Protein backbone atom coordinates (compact mmCIF):
# COMPACT_ATOMS: atom_id res chain seq x y z
CA MET A 1 24.83 46.11 46.85
CA ALA A 2 26.30 43.00 48.42
CA PRO A 3 30.09 42.73 48.69
CA VAL A 4 31.73 40.35 46.22
CA ASP A 5 32.75 37.83 48.91
CA ALA A 6 29.25 37.95 50.42
CA ALA A 7 27.72 37.30 47.01
CA ALA A 8 30.08 34.40 46.44
CA SER A 9 29.29 32.98 49.87
CA SER A 10 25.52 33.16 49.30
CA LEU A 11 25.81 31.53 45.87
CA ASP A 12 27.98 28.79 47.36
CA ARG A 13 25.20 28.03 49.85
CA VAL A 14 22.65 27.88 47.02
CA ALA A 15 24.97 25.60 44.99
CA LEU A 16 25.40 23.29 47.99
CA ALA A 17 21.65 22.97 48.42
CA MET A 18 21.23 22.52 44.67
CA THR A 19 23.69 19.61 44.47
CA SER A 20 22.37 17.82 47.58
CA SER A 21 19.60 16.07 45.63
CA LEU A 22 19.22 14.13 42.39
CA GLU A 23 15.48 14.83 42.12
CA LEU A 24 15.01 17.32 39.28
CA ASP A 25 12.14 19.21 40.92
CA VAL A 26 14.15 19.55 44.15
CA VAL A 27 17.19 20.81 42.24
CA LEU A 28 15.15 23.43 40.38
CA ALA A 29 13.36 24.57 43.54
CA SER A 30 16.71 24.87 45.32
CA VAL A 31 18.03 27.12 42.54
CA THR A 32 15.11 29.56 42.43
CA ALA A 33 14.32 29.62 46.17
CA GLY A 34 18.02 29.95 47.05
CA LEU A 35 18.52 32.92 44.74
CA VAL A 36 15.52 34.67 46.28
CA ASP A 37 16.31 33.84 49.92
CA ASP A 38 20.13 33.97 49.92
CA PHE A 39 21.16 36.12 46.97
CA GLY A 40 18.40 38.67 47.43
CA VAL A 41 16.71 38.73 43.99
CA ALA A 42 12.99 39.50 43.79
CA LEU A 43 12.12 36.81 41.22
CA ALA A 44 14.01 33.76 39.98
CA ARG A 45 12.82 31.38 37.28
CA VAL A 46 14.08 28.36 35.37
CA TRP A 47 12.80 27.34 31.94
CA LEU A 48 13.78 23.91 30.64
CA ALA A 49 14.28 22.73 27.07
CA GLU A 50 13.28 19.27 25.83
CA PRO A 51 14.79 17.47 22.80
CA GLY A 52 12.77 18.16 19.69
CA ASP A 53 10.59 20.80 21.37
CA PRO A 54 10.91 24.33 19.89
CA THR A 55 9.70 25.87 23.15
CA LEU A 56 11.00 26.23 26.69
CA ARG A 57 8.72 25.37 29.57
CA LEU A 58 8.67 27.21 32.89
CA ARG A 59 9.52 24.57 35.49
CA ALA A 60 10.46 26.50 38.66
CA SER A 61 9.66 29.97 39.97
CA SER A 62 10.24 31.71 43.33
CA GLY A 63 9.48 35.21 44.52
CA LEU A 64 7.10 37.47 42.62
CA SER A 65 4.54 35.84 40.30
CA ALA A 66 5.63 32.35 41.29
CA ARG A 67 2.89 30.61 39.28
CA LEU A 68 4.02 28.08 36.67
CA ASP A 69 1.12 28.54 34.25
CA GLY A 70 -0.38 31.38 32.25
CA GLU A 71 1.08 33.44 29.41
CA TYR A 72 4.72 32.78 30.28
CA ALA A 73 4.44 29.04 30.99
CA ARG A 74 5.96 28.31 27.56
CA VAL A 75 8.27 30.51 25.48
CA ALA A 76 9.31 29.77 21.91
CA VAL A 77 13.05 29.60 21.27
CA GLY A 78 14.00 32.96 19.72
CA ALA A 79 10.98 34.81 21.15
CA ARG A 80 11.11 37.41 23.93
CA LYS A 81 14.18 37.74 26.07
CA ILE A 82 14.12 34.14 27.38
CA GLY A 83 13.85 32.70 23.88
CA GLN A 84 16.65 34.97 22.67
CA ILE A 85 18.96 33.78 25.43
CA ALA A 86 18.18 30.18 24.43
CA SER A 87 18.73 30.76 20.72
CA THR A 88 21.94 32.82 21.00
CA GLY A 89 23.45 30.95 23.95
CA GLU A 90 24.54 34.28 25.41
CA ALA A 91 23.65 35.97 28.70
CA MET A 92 21.45 39.09 28.80
CA TRP A 93 21.23 41.77 31.49
CA THR A 94 20.17 45.33 32.22
CA ASN A 95 20.18 47.61 35.26
CA ASP A 96 17.35 49.76 33.89
CA VAL A 97 14.37 47.45 33.40
CA VAL A 98 11.84 50.30 33.45
CA HIS A 99 13.28 51.80 30.25
CA ASP A 100 14.86 48.79 28.53
CA GLU A 101 12.93 47.87 25.34
CA ARG A 102 13.68 44.16 25.83
CA ILE A 103 11.49 44.11 28.97
CA ALA A 104 7.90 43.50 27.92
CA ASP A 105 6.01 44.94 30.93
CA HIS A 106 7.53 48.19 32.22
CA ALA A 107 4.46 48.98 34.36
CA TRP A 108 4.79 45.64 36.18
CA ALA A 109 8.49 46.29 36.81
CA LEU A 110 7.75 49.80 38.10
CA THR A 111 4.96 48.56 40.39
CA HIS A 112 7.30 46.05 42.06
CA GLY A 113 10.30 48.38 42.19
CA LEU A 114 12.44 46.22 39.95
CA VAL A 115 15.73 47.66 38.78
CA SER A 116 17.75 44.88 37.15
CA PHE A 117 17.22 41.79 34.99
CA ALA A 118 19.78 39.09 34.22
CA GLY A 119 19.43 35.80 32.32
CA TRP A 120 21.91 33.01 31.54
CA PRO A 121 21.72 29.98 29.26
CA LEU A 122 21.96 26.66 31.10
CA ALA A 123 24.20 24.61 28.83
CA PHE A 124 26.10 21.39 29.41
CA ARG A 125 28.74 20.31 26.86
CA GLY A 126 27.10 22.37 24.15
CA THR A 127 23.57 21.11 24.84
CA LEU A 128 21.00 23.64 26.01
CA GLN A 129 19.32 22.55 29.25
CA GLY A 130 17.27 25.70 29.70
CA VAL A 131 17.45 29.32 30.85
CA LEU A 132 17.90 30.85 34.32
CA ALA A 133 16.53 34.40 34.77
CA THR A 134 16.28 36.83 37.70
CA PHE A 135 14.78 40.23 38.51
CA ALA A 136 16.19 42.27 41.41
CA ARG A 137 15.34 45.54 43.17
CA ARG A 138 18.97 46.65 42.99
CA PRO A 139 21.55 46.92 40.23
CA LEU A 140 23.82 43.92 39.69
CA THR A 141 27.58 44.57 39.61
CA ASP A 142 29.92 43.14 37.01
CA ALA A 143 31.44 40.91 39.69
CA GLU A 144 28.00 39.56 40.67
CA ARG A 145 27.12 38.85 37.05
CA SER A 146 30.41 37.01 36.55
CA ARG A 147 29.81 34.95 39.69
CA MET A 148 26.26 34.23 38.52
CA ALA A 149 27.55 33.02 35.15
CA LEU A 150 29.70 30.45 36.99
CA PHE A 151 26.70 29.51 39.14
CA ALA A 152 24.56 29.02 35.99
CA HIS A 153 27.17 26.56 34.70
CA GLN A 154 27.02 24.65 37.99
CA ALA A 155 23.21 24.65 37.80
CA ALA A 156 23.33 23.21 34.27
CA ILE A 157 25.52 20.35 35.51
CA ALA A 158 23.17 19.68 38.45
CA ILE A 159 20.15 19.69 36.11
CA GLN A 160 21.87 17.32 33.67
CA ASN A 161 22.78 14.94 36.51
CA ALA A 162 19.21 14.98 37.82
CA ARG A 163 17.87 14.28 34.34
CA LEU A 164 20.28 11.39 33.83
CA PHE A 165 19.35 9.97 37.22
CA ALA A 166 15.64 10.23 36.33
CA ALA A 167 16.26 8.58 32.95
CA ILE A 168 18.13 5.68 34.57
CA ALA A 169 15.43 5.25 37.22
CA SER A 170 12.73 5.35 34.54
CA LEU A 171 14.59 2.79 32.44
CA GLN A 172 15.01 0.47 35.43
CA GLU A 173 11.32 0.84 36.25
CA ARG A 174 10.36 0.17 32.66
CA LEU A 175 12.59 -2.91 32.49
CA ARG A 176 11.02 -4.26 35.68
CA ALA A 177 7.54 -3.65 34.31
CA GLU A 178 8.47 -5.15 30.95
CA ASN A 179 9.97 -8.25 32.56
CA ALA A 180 6.84 -8.72 34.65
CA TYR A 181 4.64 -8.24 31.60
CA LEU A 182 6.66 -10.64 29.45
CA ARG A 183 6.63 -13.28 32.19
CA GLY A 184 2.85 -13.07 32.13
CA GLU A 185 2.85 -13.44 28.35
CA ALA A 186 5.39 -16.25 28.25
CA ALA A 187 2.83 -19.07 28.20
CA GLY A 188 2.39 -20.55 24.74
CA GLY A 189 4.39 -22.24 22.02
CA ASP A 190 7.33 -21.04 19.98
CA ASP A 191 5.26 -20.67 16.79
CA THR A 192 4.87 -17.17 15.38
CA ALA A 193 1.52 -15.52 14.77
CA ALA A 194 2.36 -14.95 11.12
CA ALA A 195 3.13 -18.65 10.60
CA SER A 196 -0.11 -19.64 12.32
CA LEU A 197 -2.10 -17.29 10.09
CA ARG A 198 -0.48 -18.62 6.92
CA ARG A 199 -1.56 -22.17 7.80
CA CYS A 200 -5.20 -21.04 7.78
CA HIS A 201 -6.50 -21.82 4.29
CA ASP A 202 -9.57 -19.62 4.66
CA LEU A 203 -7.64 -16.54 5.79
CA GLU A 204 -5.71 -15.89 2.58
CA ALA A 205 -7.30 -12.44 2.15
CA VAL A 206 -6.46 -11.53 5.75
CA VAL A 207 -2.85 -12.67 5.35
CA ALA A 208 -2.55 -10.58 2.19
CA GLN A 209 -3.79 -7.48 4.04
CA VAL A 210 -1.42 -8.11 6.96
CA GLU A 211 1.55 -8.42 4.61
CA GLN A 212 0.55 -5.17 2.90
CA VAL A 213 0.22 -3.02 6.02
CA ALA A 214 2.82 -4.57 8.36
CA PRO A 215 5.91 -2.80 6.91
CA THR A 216 4.26 0.62 7.36
CA THR A 217 3.54 2.61 10.52
CA THR A 218 -0.18 2.89 9.70
CA THR A 219 -2.73 2.36 12.45
CA VAL A 220 -4.66 -0.88 11.95
CA LEU A 221 -8.21 -1.69 13.08
CA VAL A 222 -8.89 -5.43 13.36
CA GLN A 223 -12.61 -6.25 13.38
CA GLY A 224 -14.28 -9.56 14.07
CA GLU A 225 -16.39 -11.57 16.46
CA THR A 226 -15.17 -12.56 19.91
CA GLY A 227 -12.71 -15.44 19.69
CA ALA A 228 -12.21 -15.18 15.90
CA GLY A 229 -8.47 -14.53 16.16
CA LYS A 230 -8.11 -10.75 16.22
CA GLU A 231 -5.12 -10.83 18.57
CA LEU A 232 -3.36 -13.32 16.29
CA VAL A 233 -3.75 -10.88 13.40
CA ALA A 234 -2.45 -8.01 15.56
CA ARG A 235 0.61 -10.03 16.57
CA ALA A 236 1.28 -10.89 12.91
CA VAL A 237 1.19 -7.17 12.01
CA HIS A 238 3.82 -6.59 14.70
CA GLU A 239 6.01 -9.57 13.74
CA LEU A 240 6.11 -8.67 10.04
CA GLY A 241 6.72 -4.96 10.66
CA ARG A 242 9.80 -2.88 11.27
CA ARG A 243 9.16 -2.89 15.03
CA SER A 244 9.32 -6.66 15.43
CA ALA A 245 12.40 -6.31 17.68
CA GLY A 246 10.42 -4.03 20.01
CA PRO A 247 7.79 -5.06 22.57
CA PHE A 248 4.25 -6.17 21.72
CA VAL A 249 2.02 -4.93 24.52
CA LYS A 250 -1.73 -5.36 24.83
CA VAL A 251 -4.40 -3.85 27.03
CA ASN A 252 -8.02 -4.98 27.21
CA CYS A 253 -10.14 -1.83 27.31
CA ALA A 254 -13.20 -3.84 28.40
CA ALA A 255 -11.52 -5.49 31.40
CA LEU A 256 -10.79 -2.28 33.31
CA SER A 257 -13.04 0.27 34.96
CA ALA A 258 -13.15 3.83 33.65
CA SER A 259 -11.25 4.99 36.74
CA LEU A 260 -8.37 2.56 36.19
CA ILE A 261 -7.90 2.44 32.42
CA GLU A 262 -6.28 5.89 32.21
CA SER A 263 -3.62 4.84 34.73
CA GLU A 264 -3.21 1.53 32.89
CA LEU A 265 -2.62 3.28 29.55
CA PHE A 266 -0.60 6.31 30.62
CA GLY A 267 0.79 5.35 34.05
CA HIS A 268 0.63 7.49 37.18
CA GLU A 269 2.87 9.48 39.47
CA LYS A 270 3.43 8.68 43.13
CA GLY A 271 0.54 10.07 45.18
CA ALA A 272 -1.66 10.69 42.13
CA PHE A 273 -4.55 9.00 43.94
CA THR A 274 -5.22 6.91 47.02
CA GLY A 275 -3.12 3.77 46.81
CA ALA A 276 -0.56 5.20 44.35
CA GLN A 277 2.46 4.44 46.52
CA GLN A 278 4.98 4.79 43.69
CA ARG A 279 5.27 5.90 40.09
CA ARG A 280 3.92 3.34 37.63
CA VAL A 281 4.82 2.94 33.97
CA GLY A 282 1.78 2.75 31.67
CA ARG A 283 1.29 0.54 28.63
CA PHE A 284 2.20 3.32 26.21
CA GLU A 285 5.65 3.72 27.82
CA LEU A 286 6.02 -0.03 27.99
CA ALA A 287 5.35 -0.30 24.23
CA ASP A 288 7.81 2.46 23.27
CA GLY A 289 9.58 1.36 20.10
CA GLY A 290 7.05 -1.44 19.55
CA THR A 291 3.34 -2.09 19.09
CA LEU A 292 0.40 -1.52 21.44
CA LEU A 293 -2.77 -3.57 20.94
CA LEU A 294 -5.88 -1.79 22.20
CA ASP A 295 -8.17 -4.80 22.50
CA GLU A 296 -11.92 -4.14 22.61
CA VAL A 297 -11.28 -0.47 21.88
CA GLY A 298 -15.02 0.02 21.38
CA GLU A 299 -15.43 -0.23 25.16
CA LEU A 300 -13.12 2.73 25.82
CA PRO A 301 -14.96 5.32 27.99
CA LEU A 302 -16.09 8.36 26.03
CA GLU A 303 -14.30 10.76 28.38
CA LEU A 304 -10.95 9.04 27.78
CA GLN A 305 -11.20 9.01 23.99
CA PRO A 306 -9.88 12.61 23.50
CA LYS A 307 -6.73 11.72 25.46
CA LEU A 308 -6.14 8.67 23.27
CA LEU A 309 -6.66 10.81 20.18
CA ARG A 310 -4.04 13.27 21.43
CA VAL A 311 -1.51 10.48 21.92
CA LEU A 312 -2.16 9.18 18.41
CA GLN A 313 -1.68 12.65 16.94
CA GLU A 314 1.20 13.99 19.02
CA GLN A 315 2.90 10.82 20.34
CA GLU A 316 2.99 12.31 23.85
CA PHE A 317 0.89 12.15 27.00
CA GLU A 318 0.99 12.94 30.72
CA ARG A 319 0.89 10.39 33.50
CA VAL A 320 -2.06 10.58 35.89
CA GLY A 321 -1.11 13.15 38.51
CA GLY A 322 1.79 14.43 36.41
CA SER A 323 2.34 17.64 34.50
CA ARG A 324 5.34 16.82 32.34
CA PRO A 325 4.76 15.42 28.83
CA VAL A 326 6.08 11.90 28.19
CA ARG A 327 6.90 10.91 24.63
CA ALA A 328 6.38 7.38 23.30
CA ASP A 329 7.00 6.10 19.78
CA VAL A 330 4.28 3.46 19.52
CA ARG A 331 2.41 1.79 16.67
CA ILE A 332 -1.26 1.27 17.44
CA VAL A 333 -3.29 -1.78 16.46
CA ALA A 334 -6.88 -1.63 17.70
CA ALA A 335 -9.30 -4.55 17.83
CA THR A 336 -13.04 -4.66 18.38
CA ASN A 337 -16.06 -6.91 18.01
CA ARG A 338 -18.36 -3.89 17.81
CA ASP A 339 -19.52 -1.90 14.81
CA LEU A 340 -17.65 1.33 15.55
CA ALA A 341 -19.32 3.22 12.69
CA GLN A 342 -22.67 2.46 14.28
CA ALA A 343 -21.29 3.49 17.69
CA VAL A 344 -20.23 6.82 16.16
CA GLU A 345 -23.76 7.41 14.84
CA ALA A 346 -25.16 6.58 18.28
CA GLY A 347 -22.78 9.05 19.96
CA ARG A 348 -20.91 6.35 21.92
CA PHE A 349 -17.62 6.74 20.04
CA ARG A 350 -15.86 9.85 18.74
CA ALA A 351 -15.89 10.16 14.96
CA ASP A 352 -12.39 11.70 14.83
CA LEU A 353 -10.94 8.84 16.88
CA PHE A 354 -12.74 6.27 14.72
CA TYR A 355 -11.26 7.71 11.52
CA ARG A 356 -7.83 7.83 13.13
CA LEU A 357 -8.04 4.16 14.14
CA ALA A 358 -9.70 2.82 10.99
CA VAL A 359 -7.00 3.90 8.53
CA PHE A 360 -6.49 0.27 7.52
CA PRO A 361 -9.34 -2.03 8.62
CA ILE A 362 -8.94 -5.81 8.55
CA ARG A 363 -11.98 -8.06 9.02
CA VAL A 364 -11.36 -11.50 10.53
CA PRO A 365 -14.17 -13.84 9.36
CA PRO A 366 -15.85 -16.01 12.00
CA LEU A 367 -15.06 -19.71 12.18
CA ARG A 368 -18.43 -20.71 10.66
CA GLU A 369 -17.19 -19.16 7.38
CA ARG A 370 -13.91 -21.13 7.53
CA PRO A 371 -14.68 -24.87 7.26
CA ARG A 372 -11.15 -25.83 6.18
CA ASP A 373 -9.65 -23.90 9.08
CA CYS A 374 -12.03 -25.56 11.50
CA ALA A 375 -10.66 -29.01 10.62
CA MET A 376 -7.06 -27.82 10.73
CA LEU A 377 -7.50 -26.03 14.08
CA ALA A 378 -9.32 -28.99 15.61
CA ASP A 379 -6.40 -31.27 14.72
CA ALA A 380 -3.90 -28.72 16.11
CA PHE A 381 -5.84 -28.46 19.38
CA VAL A 382 -5.86 -32.27 19.71
CA GLY A 383 -2.06 -32.21 19.40
CA ALA A 384 -1.82 -29.51 22.05
CA GLN A 385 -3.99 -31.51 24.46
CA ARG A 386 -1.90 -34.63 23.79
CA HIS A 387 1.15 -32.85 25.23
CA ARG A 388 -0.79 -31.06 27.96
CA LEU A 389 -2.66 -34.11 29.28
CA GLY A 390 -0.03 -36.72 28.50
CA LYS A 391 -2.56 -38.90 26.63
CA ALA A 392 -1.81 -40.85 23.46
CA LEU A 393 -4.32 -38.96 21.30
CA THR A 394 -3.95 -39.41 17.56
CA GLY A 395 -6.84 -37.37 16.16
CA LEU A 396 -10.59 -37.18 15.52
CA SER A 397 -12.91 -39.74 13.99
CA PRO A 398 -14.59 -38.75 10.67
CA GLY A 399 -17.94 -38.45 12.43
CA ALA A 400 -16.55 -36.19 15.17
CA LEU A 401 -14.81 -34.01 12.61
CA GLN A 402 -18.01 -33.75 10.55
CA ARG A 403 -19.94 -32.55 13.58
CA LEU A 404 -17.29 -29.94 14.37
CA VAL A 405 -17.17 -28.57 10.82
CA ALA A 406 -20.97 -28.31 10.68
CA HIS A 407 -21.27 -26.38 13.95
CA ASP A 408 -21.96 -22.63 13.83
CA TRP A 409 -19.32 -21.80 16.48
CA PRO A 410 -20.77 -18.65 18.07
CA GLY A 411 -17.65 -18.57 20.29
CA ASN A 412 -15.37 -19.13 17.30
CA VAL A 413 -11.82 -20.45 17.78
CA ARG A 414 -11.97 -20.03 21.53
CA GLU A 415 -15.08 -22.20 21.74
CA LEU A 416 -13.51 -24.85 19.49
CA SER A 417 -10.45 -24.99 21.75
CA ASN A 418 -12.64 -25.52 24.82
CA VAL A 419 -14.68 -28.23 23.10
CA ILE A 420 -11.53 -30.13 22.09
CA GLU A 421 -10.09 -29.80 25.60
CA ARG A 422 -13.23 -31.28 27.16
CA ALA A 423 -13.39 -34.07 24.55
CA ALA A 424 -9.71 -34.91 25.09
CA ILE A 425 -10.30 -35.31 28.83
CA VAL A 426 -13.23 -37.72 28.45
CA ALA A 427 -11.85 -39.68 25.47
CA ALA A 428 -11.28 -43.32 26.40
CA GLY A 429 -9.12 -44.19 23.40
CA PRO A 430 -6.55 -42.56 21.17
CA VAL A 431 -9.21 -41.21 18.79
CA ILE A 432 -11.81 -38.63 19.83
CA VAL A 433 -15.19 -39.94 18.66
CA GLU A 434 -18.59 -38.30 18.38
CA ASP A 435 -19.71 -39.43 21.83
CA ASP A 436 -16.68 -37.65 23.37
CA LEU A 437 -17.89 -34.27 22.10
CA PRO A 438 -20.18 -32.14 24.26
CA PRO A 439 -23.65 -31.30 22.88
CA LEU A 440 -23.46 -29.12 19.77
CA SER A 441 -27.17 -28.43 19.32
CA ARG A 442 -26.95 -26.18 16.27
CA ALA A 443 -24.81 -28.70 14.39
CA ASP A 444 -26.78 -31.77 15.51
CA ALA A 445 -29.92 -30.54 13.79
CA ARG A 446 -28.06 -30.38 10.49
CA LEU A 447 -26.47 -33.83 10.98
CA ARG A 448 -29.55 -35.92 11.71
CA PRO A 449 -29.60 -39.44 10.09
CA ARG A 450 -30.62 -39.10 6.44
CA THR A 451 -32.80 -41.81 4.89
CA ALA A 452 -34.11 -41.88 1.32
CA SER A 453 -37.50 -40.56 2.46
CA SER A 454 -35.93 -37.76 4.51
CA ILE A 455 -33.82 -36.70 1.51
CA ASP A 456 -36.94 -36.51 -0.66
CA THR A 457 -38.72 -34.52 2.04
CA ASP A 458 -35.78 -32.14 2.37
CA THR A 459 -35.66 -31.68 -1.41
CA ASP A 460 -39.35 -30.79 -1.55
CA ALA A 461 -38.91 -28.35 1.37
CA ARG A 462 -35.97 -26.65 -0.33
CA LEU A 463 -37.95 -26.31 -3.57
CA GLU A 464 -40.70 -24.58 -1.61
CA ARG A 465 -38.14 -22.21 -0.10
CA LEU A 466 -36.43 -21.24 -3.40
CA GLU A 467 -35.49 -17.57 -3.41
CA PRO A 468 -35.42 -15.07 -6.30
CA LEU A 469 -32.22 -15.01 -8.39
CA GLU A 470 -31.52 -11.43 -7.32
CA THR A 471 -31.52 -12.43 -3.64
CA VAL A 472 -29.21 -15.38 -4.24
CA GLU A 473 -26.85 -13.27 -6.38
CA ARG A 474 -26.72 -10.53 -3.75
CA ALA A 475 -25.93 -13.00 -0.94
CA HIS A 476 -23.21 -14.64 -3.04
CA ILE A 477 -21.55 -11.33 -3.93
CA VAL A 478 -21.61 -10.24 -0.28
CA ARG A 479 -19.97 -13.52 0.81
CA VAL A 480 -17.21 -13.10 -1.76
CA LEU A 481 -16.66 -9.46 -0.79
CA GLU A 482 -16.37 -10.43 2.86
CA ARG A 483 -13.96 -13.23 1.99
CA ALA A 484 -11.83 -10.71 0.05
CA GLY A 485 -11.97 -8.17 2.88
CA TRP A 486 -14.10 -5.92 0.66
CA VAL A 487 -11.16 -5.48 -1.71
CA ILE A 488 -12.61 -5.30 -5.23
CA GLU A 489 -9.55 -5.06 -7.51
CA GLY A 490 -6.34 -7.08 -7.69
CA LYS A 491 -5.46 -10.75 -8.01
CA LYS A 492 -7.14 -11.62 -4.70
CA GLY A 493 -9.94 -9.08 -5.03
CA ALA A 494 -13.62 -9.96 -5.22
CA ALA A 495 -13.88 -9.15 -8.93
CA ALA A 496 -11.16 -11.70 -9.80
CA ILE A 497 -12.83 -14.35 -7.63
CA LEU A 498 -16.19 -13.73 -9.31
CA GLY A 499 -14.62 -13.65 -12.77
CA MET A 500 -15.83 -10.20 -13.73
CA ALA A 501 -14.36 -6.77 -14.33
CA PRO A 502 -14.13 -4.47 -11.27
CA SER A 503 -16.37 -1.92 -13.00
CA THR A 504 -18.98 -4.62 -13.64
CA LEU A 505 -18.86 -5.70 -10.00
CA ARG A 506 -19.31 -2.12 -8.83
CA SER A 507 -22.33 -1.77 -11.13
CA ARG A 508 -23.88 -4.97 -9.76
CA MET A 509 -23.22 -3.77 -6.19
CA ALA A 510 -24.99 -0.47 -6.93
CA LEU A 511 -27.90 -2.28 -8.60
CA LEU A 512 -28.29 -4.72 -5.70
CA SER A 513 -27.75 -2.01 -3.02
CA ILE A 514 -24.66 -3.70 -1.61
CA HIS A 515 -22.78 -1.44 0.78
CA ARG A 516 -20.05 -2.25 3.24
CA LEU A 517 -21.30 -1.84 6.80
CA GLY A 518 -20.62 1.69 7.99
CA SER A 519 -19.72 3.01 4.48
CA ARG A 520 -22.97 4.83 3.90
């Protein structure tokens, strides 16, 4: 048994080493290794508590059984001796571990010649930081236990300081990353996404859905063709929701390789892989308290989908190369131009993740189904180019506008923007005329000069191509359903638009075999 002054001296050395660093892992290692090397215990361990977690996690171990995983890696508060120390806030000790009923494995203690056990709560200003526990091959005196109680208090302060330092460093890192991200997103006007959506006459059903789901925390799946305006819808969901004061962060799942997207989403620790020179905050941490847009989520690698599902379910993840869970309170909006239900059937997308993402689907119709929006957007893009190019552009000629509205727009709004930009550059006068527009082959065929003879010919051709009433009715009902976002009931539902009862519409849909894609 060590003399009291010798015990105090050895604990002072451990405390000095413990307080020489603000890195949490270094502090914890100094505590356990110092108790084994200087104080002469056979095993020293530290379990840490996290806010909101009903368990304690083993974070440092020195001496016998120094592994940090296995059966004792986590202990529920109130369970076993460690959990009891945490729940009661009182120390526990014995100098007869082989016969004490609180010790779970007497054979293990006998094999290693262990005589005593002692454990102390690590508390700072009434808040539990964790539990410190030791096994020794000699009995502990009352004086040693008293000195260890004081040391445990010092350890709790050192752990709290290290945690505060880590929190400040993490916040600074996040602010730097957020500033860099926001600088990259700063291009654009002052208009809000919600205001832009409301100006689109042909998106009334979409606006209604956005206004319904935005105040909730429900996951939203925005579906539509490339360039149709899915990101605009996602931003509107964020702006009209309760998290509008938080960040709106997006990540394009199709623009990153499978090896990089995990680090992009969850971040990585220093040294996690070649080139990881420092810790990096991922998009989930960056979006904490706000909204994360997973653009082109259908391109997410299959092996990464279970990790995303875990984050959606538990709101926590681990950085690449890390072992500690990181919590993030994030609302998810996913966007895709793929048929995810079909991808599930083909085995390219997990069914459980699909159902988790598609709680509230919103379909954005392509521009070819939105003739009024086409004219409005074209005029808005002309105004934008007027300021960008410094040209006195006033608008589009009737002929140019007619050609634009008649085009199929396979590239949707993005293609229209590019066409207007090119036309604005080549325009010689204040009005963009037909000759200023680039070739629009699909539209040109429908806008050929129409003479009396050609009209008669077209009429005869259409009469030859007349379709059965059932086919025409089916196509019309499908168009209305798509316009209404497949909502049947309500003032803006398909039944109201068609002027029939919802039950009648459902009967006609069954008779005509109308099913929403992916609903069968």
